[in-house]
Protein backbone atom coordinates (compact mmCIF):
# COMPACT_ATOMS: atom_id res chain seq x y z
CA UNK A 1 122.24 -4.57 155.44
CA UNK A 2 121.35 -5.65 158.86
CA UNK A 3 118.48 -8.06 157.86
CA UNK A 4 119.03 -11.29 156.11
CA UNK A 5 117.22 -12.17 152.85
CA UNK A 6 113.66 -12.85 152.91
CA UNK A 7 114.06 -16.29 151.29
CA UNK A 8 113.86 -20.00 152.50
CA UNK A 9 117.20 -21.72 152.98
CA UNK A 10 117.95 -25.20 151.61
CA UNK A 11 120.48 -27.74 152.57
CA UNK A 12 120.79 -31.42 151.28
CA UNK A 13 123.00 -34.22 151.95
CA UNK A 14 123.06 -38.06 150.80
CA UNK A 15 120.40 -38.95 153.17
CA UNK A 16 118.15 -35.96 153.31
CA UNK A 17 117.40 -32.28 153.21
CA UNK A 18 116.53 -29.39 155.59
CA UNK A 19 114.33 -26.37 154.75
CA UNK A 20 114.08 -23.26 156.59
CA UNK A 21 111.29 -20.76 155.92
CA UNK A 22 112.12 -17.17 156.56
CA UNK A 23 111.63 -16.31 160.26
CA UNK A 24 110.58 -19.93 160.94
CA UNK A 25 112.17 -23.12 162.21
CA UNK A 26 114.09 -25.56 160.15
CA UNK A 27 112.76 -29.00 159.33
CA UNK A 28 114.16 -32.08 157.70
CA UNK A 29 112.41 -33.68 154.62
CA UNK A 30 113.05 -36.14 151.77
CA UNK A 31 114.92 -35.18 148.84
CA UNK A 32 111.65 -35.40 146.49
CA UNK A 33 109.75 -32.92 149.03
CA UNK A 34 112.62 -30.58 148.98
CA UNK A 35 113.12 -30.59 145.23
CA UNK A 36 109.42 -29.91 144.99
CA UNK A 37 109.40 -26.99 147.50
CA UNK A 38 112.49 -25.59 145.64
CA UNK A 39 110.79 -25.45 142.26
CA UNK A 40 107.54 -24.23 143.52
CA UNK A 41 108.43 -21.24 145.73
CA UNK A 42 110.87 -18.36 145.56
CA UNK A 43 114.69 -19.04 144.96
CA UNK A 44 115.98 -20.51 148.08
CA UNK A 45 119.29 -19.73 149.69
CA UNK A 46 121.82 -22.57 149.41
CA UNK A 47 125.48 -23.50 148.89
CA UNK A 48 126.46 -24.74 145.56
CA UNK A 49 123.53 -24.89 143.42
CA UNK A 50 124.56 -27.86 141.03
CA UNK A 51 125.69 -30.07 143.77
CA UNK A 52 122.55 -29.39 145.90
CA UNK A 53 120.28 -30.26 142.68
CA UNK A 54 122.26 -33.37 142.21
CA UNK A 55 121.74 -34.46 145.82
CA UNK A 56 117.93 -33.70 145.40
CA UNK A 57 118.13 -35.86 142.00
CA UNK A 58 116.62 -32.96 140.04
CA UNK A 59 117.46 -30.42 137.36
CA UNK A 60 119.06 -27.29 138.38
CA UNK A 61 116.60 -24.45 139.73
CA UNK A 62 116.86 -20.89 140.38
CA UNK A 63 118.53 -20.16 143.71
CA UNK A 64 120.46 -17.74 145.72
CA UNK A 65 123.71 -19.50 145.82
CA UNK A 66 125.84 -18.00 148.81
CA UNK A 67 129.09 -19.11 146.59
CA UNK A 68 128.20 -16.63 143.86
CA UNK A 69 127.52 -13.92 146.32
CA UNK A 70 131.01 -14.84 148.18
CA UNK A 71 132.83 -14.65 144.63
CA UNK A 72 131.30 -11.12 144.13
CA UNK A 73 131.92 -9.77 147.43
CA UNK A 74 135.14 -11.52 148.25
CA UNK A 75 136.88 -12.20 144.96
CA UNK A 76 140.36 -14.00 145.16
CA UNK A 77 139.73 -14.99 148.71
CA UNK A 78 139.69 -18.73 149.85
CA UNK A 79 136.55 -20.66 150.86
CA UNK A 80 135.69 -24.46 150.83
CA UNK A 81 132.54 -24.77 148.67
CA UNK A 82 130.45 -26.05 151.71
CA UNK A 83 128.17 -24.36 154.44
CA UNK A 84 131.07 -25.40 156.89
CA UNK A 85 133.52 -23.80 154.44
CA UNK A 86 131.48 -20.62 154.25
CA UNK A 87 131.20 -20.53 158.18
CA UNK A 88 135.02 -20.63 158.34
CA UNK A 89 135.52 -17.97 155.80
CA UNK A 90 133.06 -15.66 157.56
CA UNK A 91 134.22 -16.29 161.15
CA UNK A 92 131.06 -18.17 162.24
CA UNK A 93 130.93 -21.25 164.49
CA UNK A 94 130.85 -24.46 162.30
CA UNK A 95 127.19 -25.85 162.19
CA UNK A 96 126.50 -29.25 163.64
CA UNK A 97 124.16 -30.99 161.31
CA UNK A 98 121.57 -30.12 158.48
CA UNK A 99 119.39 -28.04 160.45
CA UNK A 100 122.12 -25.92 161.77
CA UNK A 101 123.67 -25.45 158.40
CA UNK A 102 120.23 -24.35 156.97
CA UNK A 103 120.00 -21.92 159.83
CA UNK A 104 123.41 -20.63 159.05
CA UNK A 105 122.81 -19.56 155.47
CA UNK A 106 120.47 -16.40 156.09
CA UNK A 107 123.40 -15.35 158.56
CA UNK A 108 126.26 -15.88 156.18
CA UNK A 109 124.10 -13.81 153.39
CA UNK A 110 123.60 -11.12 155.76
CA UNK A 111 127.25 -10.91 156.69
CA UNK A 112 128.25 -10.86 153.08
CA UNK A 113 126.08 -8.10 152.21
CA UNK A 114 127.02 -6.10 155.25
CA UNK A 115 130.73 -6.41 154.13
CA UNK A 116 129.83 -5.15 150.58
CA UNK A 117 128.33 -2.21 152.32
CA UNK A 118 131.19 -1.49 154.51
CA UNK A 119 133.79 -1.15 151.30
CA UNK A 120 134.93 2.24 150.63
CA UNK A 121 133.14 4.45 148.07
CA UNK A 122 135.65 3.73 145.27
CA UNK A 123 135.24 0.04 145.60
CA UNK A 124 131.40 0.30 145.61
CA UNK A 125 131.51 2.52 142.68
CA UNK A 126 133.56 -0.03 140.84
CA UNK A 127 131.41 -2.85 141.69
CA UNK A 128 128.19 -1.28 141.04
CA UNK A 129 128.35 -1.30 136.99
CA UNK A 130 129.34 -5.11 137.02
CA UNK A 131 126.21 -5.86 139.37
CA UNK A 132 124.09 -3.82 136.91
CA UNK A 133 125.44 -5.76 133.91
CA UNK A 134 124.98 -9.18 135.81
CA UNK A 135 121.21 -7.88 136.68
CA UNK A 136 120.46 -7.83 132.96
CA UNK A 137 121.66 -11.52 132.84
CA UNK A 138 118.98 -12.27 135.54
CA UNK A 139 121.41 -12.79 138.51
CA UNK A 140 119.21 -13.67 141.61
CA UNK A 141 121.41 -11.54 143.94
CA UNK A 142 121.32 -8.40 141.74
CA UNK A 143 118.52 -6.75 143.44
CA UNK A 144 120.01 -7.12 147.11
CA UNK A 145 123.51 -6.37 145.64
CA UNK A 146 122.34 -3.05 143.89
CA UNK A 147 120.49 -2.02 146.93
CA UNK A 148 123.68 -2.22 148.88
CA UNK A 149 125.68 -0.63 146.30
CA UNK A 150 123.51 2.17 144.96
CA UNK A 151 122.73 3.03 141.29
CA UNK A 152 125.40 2.74 138.68
CA UNK A 153 125.90 5.39 135.93
CA UNK A 154 125.92 2.57 133.43
CA UNK A 155 126.45 -1.24 133.29
CA UNK A 156 129.75 -2.41 132.33
CA UNK A 157 132.57 -4.89 133.05
CA UNK A 158 135.59 -3.27 131.66
CA UNK A 159 137.84 -3.86 134.71
CA UNK A 160 140.87 -4.15 132.20
CA UNK A 161 140.63 -0.31 131.95
CA UNK A 162 141.48 -0.02 135.79
CA UNK A 163 144.29 -2.43 136.02
CA UNK A 164 147.75 -1.07 136.53
CA UNK A 165 150.35 -1.21 133.80
CA UNK A 166 153.79 -2.70 134.30
CA UNK A 167 156.76 -0.73 133.22
CA UNK A 168 160.14 -1.74 131.72
CA UNK A 169 163.01 -1.34 134.12
CA UNK A 170 166.66 -0.93 133.63
CA UNK A 171 168.42 -4.36 133.07
CA UNK A 172 169.57 -5.96 136.23
CA UNK A 173 173.38 -5.97 136.72
CA UNK A 174 175.47 -9.06 136.70
CA UNK A 175 174.73 -11.23 139.99
CA UNK A 176 177.20 -10.96 142.88
CA UNK A 177 179.58 -13.64 143.67
CA UNK A 178 179.33 -13.74 147.49
CA UNK A 179 178.92 -17.33 148.95
CA UNK A 180 176.49 -18.82 151.25
CA UNK A 181 178.32 -20.53 154.27
CA UNK A 182 176.86 -23.49 155.94
CA UNK A 183 176.73 -21.91 159.37
CA UNK A 184 174.48 -18.88 158.02
CA UNK A 185 172.14 -21.02 156.04
CA UNK A 186 171.60 -23.20 159.34
CA UNK A 187 170.83 -19.94 161.05
CA UNK A 188 168.38 -18.80 158.59
CA UNK A 189 166.69 -22.25 158.67
CA UNK A 190 166.27 -21.97 162.47
CA UNK A 191 164.66 -18.52 162.15
CA UNK A 192 162.36 -20.09 159.61
CA UNK A 193 161.37 -23.00 161.74
CA UNK A 194 160.73 -20.87 164.82
CA UNK A 195 161.63 -21.65 168.27
CA UNK A 196 158.79 -24.17 168.82
CA UNK A 197 160.10 -26.55 165.98
CA UNK A 198 161.44 -30.01 166.90
CA UNK A 199 165.23 -30.77 166.44
CA UNK A 200 165.97 -32.24 162.84
CA UNK A 201 169.74 -32.57 162.47
CA UNK A 202 169.12 -34.25 159.13
CA UNK A 203 167.36 -31.10 157.91
CA UNK A 204 170.32 -28.81 159.15
CA UNK A 205 172.81 -31.14 157.33
CA UNK A 206 170.85 -31.09 154.17
CA UNK A 207 170.74 -27.22 154.26
CA UNK A 208 174.59 -27.37 154.63
CA UNK A 209 175.04 -29.77 151.70
CA UNK A 210 172.97 -27.52 149.55
CA UNK A 211 175.21 -24.54 149.98
CA UNK A 212 177.84 -26.24 147.76
CA UNK A 213 176.02 -24.84 144.85
CA UNK A 214 175.79 -21.18 146.29
CA UNK A 215 179.58 -20.62 146.06
CA UNK A 216 181.42 -18.64 143.49
CA UNK A 217 182.37 -20.40 140.34
CA UNK A 218 186.05 -21.44 139.89
CA UNK A 219 185.94 -21.05 136.00
CA UNK A 220 183.66 -19.04 133.81
CA UNK A 221 180.74 -21.07 132.48
CA UNK A 222 181.39 -23.88 135.05
CA UNK A 223 178.20 -25.34 136.56
CA UNK A 224 178.27 -25.96 140.33
CA UNK A 225 176.09 -29.06 140.56
CA UNK A 226 174.75 -30.54 143.90
CA UNK A 227 172.69 -33.73 144.32
CA UNK A 228 171.35 -33.59 147.78
CA UNK A 229 168.92 -36.45 148.73
CA UNK A 230 166.94 -36.88 152.08
CA UNK A 231 163.98 -39.03 153.41
CA UNK A 232 160.43 -38.24 153.30
CA UNK A 233 159.59 -35.67 156.03
CA UNK A 234 163.20 -34.40 156.72
CA UNK A 235 161.88 -30.93 155.47
CA UNK A 236 163.78 -30.47 152.18
CA UNK A 237 161.91 -27.66 151.04
CA UNK A 238 162.74 -25.28 153.77
CA UNK A 239 166.22 -26.64 153.86
CA UNK A 240 167.12 -25.41 150.26
CA UNK A 241 164.79 -22.27 150.62
CA UNK A 242 167.12 -21.13 153.47
CA UNK A 243 170.20 -21.36 151.36
CA UNK A 244 168.60 -20.10 148.27
CA UNK A 245 166.98 -16.93 149.84
CA UNK A 246 170.32 -15.99 151.39
CA UNK A 247 172.18 -16.04 148.08
CA UNK A 248 169.44 -13.97 146.34
CA UNK A 249 169.59 -11.42 149.07
CA UNK A 250 173.27 -11.24 149.16
CA UNK A 251 173.84 -11.22 145.24
CA UNK A 252 170.76 -9.23 144.16
CA UNK A 253 169.75 -11.91 141.72
CA UNK A 254 166.77 -14.38 141.70
CA UNK A 255 166.97 -18.00 142.27
CA UNK A 256 164.35 -20.24 140.52
CA UNK A 257 163.01 -22.90 142.65
CA UNK A 258 161.74 -25.50 140.03
CA UNK A 259 159.38 -28.53 140.86
CA UNK A 260 157.51 -31.07 138.88
CA UNK A 261 153.80 -30.23 139.43
CA UNK A 262 151.71 -26.93 139.83
CA UNK A 263 150.46 -28.30 143.23
CA UNK A 264 153.99 -28.52 144.45
CA UNK A 265 154.44 -24.98 143.42
CA UNK A 266 151.67 -23.93 145.40
CA UNK A 267 153.01 -25.81 148.46
CA UNK A 268 156.47 -24.12 148.06
CA UNK A 269 154.58 -20.76 147.90
CA UNK A 270 152.85 -21.58 151.21
CA UNK A 271 156.30 -22.58 152.80
CA UNK A 272 157.51 -19.13 151.96
CA UNK A 273 154.91 -17.65 154.34
CA UNK A 274 157.43 -18.31 157.12
CA UNK A 275 160.13 -16.24 155.43
CA UNK A 276 157.98 -13.31 154.25
CA UNK A 277 154.99 -13.02 156.71
CA UNK A 278 153.94 -9.59 155.28
CA UNK A 279 151.85 -10.12 152.09
CA UNK A 280 153.16 -6.85 150.47
CA UNK A 281 156.73 -7.85 151.03
CA UNK A 282 156.24 -11.47 149.72
CA UNK A 283 154.52 -9.90 146.72
CA UNK A 284 157.83 -8.10 145.77
CA UNK A 285 160.23 -11.12 146.83
CA UNK A 286 158.20 -14.10 145.51
CA UNK A 287 156.80 -14.72 141.99
CA UNK A 288 155.16 -17.76 140.60
CA UNK A 289 155.82 -18.53 136.95
CA UNK A 290 153.80 -20.94 134.87
CA UNK A 291 153.09 -21.51 131.26
CA UNK A 292 150.73 -18.99 129.49
CA UNK A 293 147.68 -21.47 129.51
CA UNK A 294 147.40 -21.18 133.27
CA UNK A 295 146.50 -17.39 133.16
CA UNK A 296 143.51 -15.09 132.49
CA UNK A 297 143.84 -13.57 129.02
CA UNK A 298 142.38 -10.11 129.36
CA UNK A 299 141.68 -10.08 125.65
CA UNK A 300 139.59 -13.00 125.97
CA UNK A 301 137.85 -11.58 128.98
CA UNK A 302 136.92 -8.38 126.95
CA UNK A 303 135.60 -10.59 124.06
CA UNK A 304 133.28 -12.42 126.49
CA UNK A 305 132.15 -9.16 128.19
CA UNK A 306 131.29 -7.83 124.80
CA UNK A 307 129.22 -10.98 123.86
CA UNK A 308 127.25 -10.70 127.01
CA UNK A 309 124.90 -8.28 125.23
CA UNK A 310 123.65 -11.28 122.97
CA UNK A 311 124.28 -14.06 125.61
CA UNK A 312 122.44 -12.63 128.59
CA UNK A 313 122.87 -15.92 130.73
CA UNK A 314 126.78 -15.62 130.47
CA UNK A 315 126.64 -12.02 132.29
CA UNK A 316 126.83 -13.69 135.61
CA UNK A 317 129.97 -15.69 134.80
CA UNK A 318 131.74 -12.77 133.17
CA UNK A 319 130.79 -10.61 135.89
CA UNK A 320 132.21 -12.94 138.48
CA UNK A 321 135.31 -13.23 136.23
CA UNK A 322 135.54 -9.51 136.04
CA UNK A 323 135.55 -9.25 140.04
CA UNK A 324 138.25 -11.78 140.24
CA UNK A 325 140.34 -10.08 137.67
CA UNK A 326 140.27 -7.02 139.39
CA UNK A 327 141.39 -8.60 142.76
CA UNK A 328 143.68 -11.54 141.80
CA UNK A 329 147.39 -11.49 142.95
CA UNK A 330 148.71 -12.66 139.59
CA UNK A 331 145.90 -13.91 137.20
CA UNK A 332 146.78 -17.49 137.85
CA UNK A 333 143.67 -19.81 137.26
CA UNK A 334 145.32 -23.02 138.05
CA UNK A 335 146.47 -23.36 141.61
CA UNK A 336 146.51 -19.63 142.37
CA UNK A 337 143.75 -17.55 144.17
CA UNK A 338 141.18 -18.57 141.53
CA UNK A 339 138.13 -20.51 143.20
CA UNK A 340 138.17 -23.73 141.36
CA UNK A 341 134.54 -24.27 142.36
CA UNK A 342 133.40 -21.41 140.31
CA UNK A 343 133.84 -23.60 137.04
CA UNK A 344 131.23 -25.82 138.46
CA UNK A 345 128.76 -23.07 139.09
CA UNK A 346 129.06 -21.10 135.86
CA UNK A 347 130.78 -23.38 133.49
CA UNK A 348 134.16 -23.87 131.75
CA UNK A 349 133.78 -21.58 128.90
CA UNK A 350 133.45 -18.33 130.85
CA UNK A 351 136.02 -19.36 133.41
CA UNK A 352 139.22 -21.53 132.57
CA UNK A 353 138.11 -21.14 128.74
CA UNK A 354 139.25 -17.48 129.00
CA UNK A 355 143.00 -18.65 129.36
CA UNK A 356 145.16 -18.58 126.47
CA UNK A 357 144.96 -22.51 125.65
CA UNK A 358 145.32 -22.44 121.92
CA UNK A 359 148.37 -20.41 121.53
CA UNK A 360 146.29 -17.47 120.18
CA UNK A 361 148.18 -14.85 122.10
CA UNK A 362 149.10 -11.79 119.75
CA UNK A 363 151.84 -10.36 122.31
CA UNK A 364 152.50 -6.81 121.86
CA UNK A 365 149.80 -6.45 119.18
CA UNK A 366 147.25 -6.89 122.08
CA UNK A 367 145.73 -3.83 123.51
CA UNK A 368 146.09 -5.19 126.95
CA UNK A 369 149.72 -5.96 126.60
CA UNK A 370 150.87 -3.51 129.11
CA UNK A 371 148.38 -4.89 131.70
CA UNK A 372 148.93 -8.42 130.87
CA UNK A 373 149.17 -10.75 133.78
CA UNK A 374 151.84 -13.09 132.05
CA UNK A 375 154.06 -10.12 131.06
CA UNK A 376 153.80 -8.63 134.54
CA UNK A 377 154.93 -11.89 136.07
CA UNK A 378 157.90 -12.11 133.43
CA UNK A 379 159.09 -8.65 134.59
CA UNK A 380 158.55 -9.22 138.36
CA UNK A 381 160.44 -12.39 138.06
CA UNK A 382 163.59 -10.63 136.98
CA UNK A 383 163.67 -8.65 140.20
CA UNK A 384 162.42 -11.13 142.76
CA UNK A 385 164.44 -13.18 145.13
CA UNK A 386 162.70 -16.47 144.54
CA UNK A 387 160.84 -17.48 141.55
CA UNK A 388 158.64 -20.48 141.99
CA UNK A 389 158.62 -22.39 138.68
CA UNK A 390 158.01 -25.91 137.11
CA UNK A 391 160.47 -28.15 135.37
CA UNK A 392 158.34 -28.00 132.15
CA UNK A 393 158.53 -24.06 132.02
CA UNK A 394 162.35 -24.18 133.06
CA UNK A 395 163.04 -26.63 130.25
CA UNK A 396 161.27 -24.54 127.85
CA UNK A 397 162.93 -21.30 128.69
CA UNK A 398 166.33 -22.96 128.45
CA UNK A 399 165.51 -24.70 125.05
CA UNK A 400 164.40 -21.47 123.46
CA UNK A 401 166.87 -19.10 124.97
CA UNK A 402 168.67 -17.14 122.12
CA UNK A 403 166.49 -18.49 119.32
CA UNK A 404 163.34 -16.71 120.08
CA UNK A 405 159.82 -18.06 121.02
CA UNK A 406 160.34 -17.65 124.67
CA UNK A 407 158.38 -15.54 126.95
CA UNK A 408 161.57 -14.24 128.60
CA UNK A 409 165.00 -13.75 127.42
CA UNK A 410 166.38 -13.67 130.87
CA UNK A 411 168.16 -16.80 132.23
CA UNK A 412 168.72 -17.09 136.02
CA UNK A 413 172.11 -17.79 137.43
CA UNK A 414 171.15 -20.40 140.07
CA UNK A 415 168.42 -23.14 139.85
CA UNK A 416 167.14 -25.60 142.55
CA UNK A 417 165.35 -28.42 141.09
CA UNK A 418 162.95 -29.95 143.75
CA UNK A 419 161.48 -33.30 142.95
CA UNK A 420 164.55 -33.93 140.78
CA UNK A 421 163.91 -37.58 140.12
CA UNK A 422 161.18 -36.11 137.86
CA UNK A 423 163.53 -33.74 136.00
CA UNK A 424 164.41 -36.66 133.47
CA UNK A 425 160.89 -36.81 132.39
CA UNK A 426 160.25 -33.03 132.34
CA UNK A 427 161.76 -32.32 128.67
CA UNK A 428 158.92 -34.38 127.18
CA UNK A 429 156.26 -32.01 128.70
CA UNK A 430 157.00 -28.86 126.80
CA UNK A 431 157.35 -30.84 123.78
CA UNK A 432 153.67 -32.19 123.80
CA UNK A 433 150.68 -29.79 123.05
CA UNK A 434 147.09 -30.27 124.21
CA UNK A 435 144.53 -31.63 121.95
CA UNK A 436 141.21 -31.27 123.70
CA UNK A 437 138.25 -33.26 122.23
CA UNK A 438 136.64 -30.23 120.70
CA UNK A 439 139.78 -29.46 118.74
CA UNK A 440 140.16 -33.16 117.82
CA UNK A 441 136.81 -33.15 115.94
CA UNK A 442 137.86 -29.93 113.94
CA UNK A 443 139.62 -30.09 110.51
CA UNK A 444 143.38 -30.61 110.59
CA UNK A 445 145.73 -28.12 111.98
CA UNK A 446 149.37 -27.34 111.54
CA UNK A 447 151.71 -27.99 114.54
CA UNK A 448 155.33 -27.27 114.70
CA UNK A 449 156.86 -30.57 116.05
CA UNK A 450 160.56 -29.85 116.65
CA UNK A 451 163.77 -29.06 114.85
CA UNK A 452 165.87 -32.04 113.70
CA UNK A 453 169.24 -31.03 112.23
CA UNK A 454 168.64 -28.79 109.37
CA UNK A 455 164.87 -29.50 109.21
CA UNK A 456 162.10 -28.01 111.09
CA UNK A 457 159.13 -30.47 110.76
CA UNK A 458 155.61 -29.55 110.67
CA UNK A 459 152.84 -31.99 110.96
CA UNK A 460 149.03 -31.85 110.54
CA UNK A 461 146.36 -33.98 112.33
CA UNK A 462 143.64 -35.74 110.37
CA UNK A 463 140.36 -36.10 112.17
CA UNK A 464 139.59 -39.64 113.08
CA UNK A 465 138.17 -41.53 116.13
CA UNK A 466 141.34 -43.19 117.19
CA UNK A 467 139.84 -43.90 120.74
CA UNK A 468 137.10 -46.10 119.45
CA UNK A 469 136.47 -49.04 121.82
CA UNK A 470 134.96 -52.45 121.40
CA UNK A 471 133.06 -53.08 118.24
CA UNK A 472 133.70 -49.84 116.82
CA UNK A 473 137.60 -50.13 116.85
CA UNK A 474 137.85 -52.39 113.80
CA UNK A 475 135.42 -50.19 111.86
CA UNK A 476 137.51 -47.11 112.70
CA UNK A 477 140.91 -48.85 111.86
CA UNK A 478 139.57 -50.10 108.51
CA UNK A 479 138.17 -46.43 107.83
CA UNK A 480 141.80 -45.18 108.49
CA UNK A 481 143.39 -47.76 106.16
CA UNK A 482 141.31 -46.55 103.35
CA UNK A 483 141.56 -42.89 104.09
CA UNK A 484 145.41 -43.35 104.39
CA UNK A 485 145.93 -44.66 100.70
CA UNK A 486 143.81 -41.82 99.57
CA UNK A 487 144.99 -39.11 101.81
CA UNK A 488 146.64 -36.01 100.03
CA UNK A 489 150.21 -35.69 100.78
CA UNK A 490 151.65 -32.00 101.42
CA UNK A 491 152.51 -30.76 97.81
CA UNK A 492 155.39 -28.38 99.06
CA UNK A 493 157.78 -28.21 102.12
CA UNK A 494 156.61 -26.53 105.24
CA UNK A 495 156.61 -22.59 105.23
CA UNK A 496 159.58 -22.63 107.80
CA UNK A 497 162.56 -24.69 106.65
CA UNK A 498 166.18 -24.31 107.20
CA UNK A 499 168.53 -25.87 104.40
CA UNK A 500 167.16 -28.47 102.25
CA UNK A 501 163.67 -29.57 103.19
CA UNK A 502 162.79 -33.39 103.70
CA UNK A 503 160.24 -34.78 101.17
CA UNK A 504 156.52 -34.78 102.07
CA UNK A 505 155.06 -37.87 103.44
CA UNK A 506 151.89 -39.27 105.01
CA UNK A 507 152.08 -41.99 107.66
CA UNK A 508 149.77 -44.27 109.50
CA UNK A 509 150.37 -46.01 112.87
CA UNK A 510 149.96 -49.49 113.13
CA UNK A 511 150.85 -52.04 116.00
CA UNK A 512 154.28 -52.89 114.49
CA UNK A 513 155.39 -49.38 113.65
CA UNK A 514 154.80 -46.58 111.05
CA UNK A 515 153.87 -46.85 107.47
CA UNK A 516 154.69 -43.94 105.31
CA UNK A 517 153.71 -42.85 101.77
CA UNK A 518 155.77 -40.38 99.80
CA UNK A 519 154.75 -37.99 97.09
CA UNK A 520 151.57 -38.86 95.12
CA UNK A 521 152.05 -42.35 94.80
CA UNK A 522 150.76 -45.36 96.51
CA UNK A 523 154.18 -47.03 97.39
CA UNK A 524 154.68 -47.33 101.08
CA UNK A 525 157.72 -47.94 103.36
CA UNK A 526 157.37 -49.40 106.79
CA UNK A 527 159.26 -48.34 109.74
CA UNK A 528 158.87 -50.96 112.68
CA UNK A 529 159.07 -50.21 116.33
CA UNK A 530 161.16 -52.23 118.43
CA UNK A 531 158.89 -54.85 119.77
CA UNK A 532 155.57 -56.22 118.43
CA UNK A 533 153.39 -53.36 119.46
CA UNK A 534 153.42 -49.53 119.71
CA UNK A 535 154.55 -48.81 123.22
CA UNK A 536 153.80 -45.17 124.37
CA UNK A 537 156.09 -45.48 127.33
CA UNK A 538 158.96 -46.30 124.92
CA UNK A 539 158.22 -44.28 121.80
CA UNK A 540 156.38 -41.21 123.27
CA UNK A 541 157.27 -38.18 125.12
CA UNK A 542 155.40 -37.63 128.25
CA UNK A 543 151.64 -37.43 127.65
CA UNK A 544 149.56 -34.87 129.42
CA UNK A 545 145.85 -34.76 130.31
CA UNK A 546 142.86 -36.21 128.45
CA UNK A 547 143.65 -35.73 124.91
CA UNK A 548 147.00 -34.54 123.76
CA UNK A 549 149.39 -34.76 120.90
CA UNK A 550 151.88 -37.66 121.21
CA UNK A 551 155.46 -36.89 119.63
CA UNK A 552 157.21 -40.19 118.66
CA UNK A 553 161.07 -40.01 119.45
CA UNK A 554 163.45 -40.02 116.62
CA UNK A 555 165.18 -43.19 117.76
CA UNK A 556 167.00 -45.40 115.08
CA UNK A 557 166.25 -48.63 117.00
CA UNK A 558 162.43 -47.71 117.61
CA UNK A 559 161.34 -45.66 114.45
CA UNK A 560 163.93 -45.85 111.85
CA UNK A 561 163.94 -42.91 109.26
CA UNK A 562 161.11 -40.92 111.02
CA UNK A 563 161.90 -37.38 112.40
CA UNK A 564 158.92 -37.26 114.31
CA UNK A 565 155.06 -38.03 114.08
CA UNK A 566 152.37 -36.27 115.71
CA UNK A 567 149.16 -38.36 116.40
CA UNK A 568 146.01 -38.08 118.56
CA UNK A 569 145.79 -39.51 121.97
CA UNK A 570 142.79 -40.83 123.62
CA UNK A 571 142.03 -41.41 127.35
CA UNK A 572 144.44 -44.53 127.86
CA UNK A 573 147.80 -45.07 126.29
CA UNK A 574 147.54 -49.03 126.09
CA UNK A 575 148.28 -51.54 123.37
CA UNK A 576 147.06 -50.64 120.04
CA UNK A 577 144.82 -47.89 120.91
CA UNK A 578 146.50 -45.65 118.47
CA UNK A 579 146.38 -48.19 115.77
CA UNK A 580 145.21 -46.71 112.53
CA UNK A 581 145.78 -42.98 113.08
CA UNK A 582 146.72 -41.15 110.13
CA UNK A 583 149.84 -38.78 110.42
CA UNK A 584 150.59 -36.17 107.78
CA UNK A 585 154.19 -34.80 107.91
CA UNK A 586 157.57 -34.77 106.50
CA UNK A 587 159.54 -37.87 106.82
CA UNK A 588 163.46 -38.14 106.61
CA UNK A 589 163.97 -41.37 104.20
């Protein structure tokens, strides 16, 4: 397509807006005038419709959003959600000012449609059914896109049928025992840095120190632990990558590089571009591993696609997700190649909401099991050189090894814990579970808390507004007290127990501790916390995110006689915020 779309262009910032008529000159105008023009005429070209409407101070209006077109034409490619970001992604000169930004939008649309036309026949035939399905949902770009792609035999978004299947491979042999000498690690570091790098003796010394953990074990089962510390800016990441990559190559076994956050995982992945500049080689040598909730679930995508027939407006979101699913590197929706701005454009439910966030995965019973992004990543990690993981996943894999419940029964021979000062807090992260607000309002659910001695405790959550603030808080707490005395206690032990189960009990959090009630009676026992108030830092594992479960530690000095209690967590973990929350479970008394 050599001509830009016959549509006006609109750009807005905090001080005003710019409007460009087709074939005319751009002019500036006030927010109110731009909002009136956008609603009165044909859908304008713009970048990020929700943000533009917010700047104009009006409700969202029909528009030809360049970001939606970019997500369709170039799925899984990076682009900042601004006009300047589009210019950089398309190789155009950065615009200077609102008028130049408005003038750039038609050219950006023309280039995107042209690149779609230049795709090979197979790519166009694959995109055409998705565009046809999105047209039924009223996608403003559908007419122009279908003109470029040509007619589709039928509308459809079943990209899962075209994804490759993973295959099981023979078990990998025992890792070799070849050591990594400090001299060769320094040489690898020099190659990674390049000839233009400034000399950093401390970085080279750090690399040499790390080599102590990449030597043969003196005794079977003996761990080689090295604590290496260096100041900020020394270059610790490349320092341990140099030694770890050499050991993996020489011994034909992966090294897991574990860090604290997903953002740090992404940074390490970017650092590895210097070691593996070819994308195909890097795809074989480097794998990123995260928890299941970070990846697109193909079964959820199929369910969403099948529901499009009854919910036409969701066709655009599901169509763009289908395009991304076909192009993504590994299905990672948090920190991977998924465009985060797509959530703001089409909503959470049809984007991040398609991940496995409620533990509903059915594993091998799923029809897409052989194509699952998570299962593919598990198997790729066994034969990679470097696996970039996070502390929470590593701790979970280690804790569940040999007892089931883990995604992978394989444990690596070598770990590198970057950001090691966070490793102490990491064990609490896999022991917590997300409890979003929409789940918090549902009826009580059952959660496996943990194993204590011979008992596996299972706790339910009673719905109650524990985050009530101001005048509402006393009312909510009084309501909790009343419900506590009349709350039913579990009549039987949890379905999964080992040995003699503990007696059923119901508990309530109060500022001074936990109060429990056994059986069907009204007699209560008090289990005071250490100190006058409930202290989340002292009595809880790490709490993640907005609303989560808090698991109270079994500490004789803090909560005598309580295995663990699972409670709701509001936005702030301060003082007596959790006071009055009912906890149903099994207490050891």
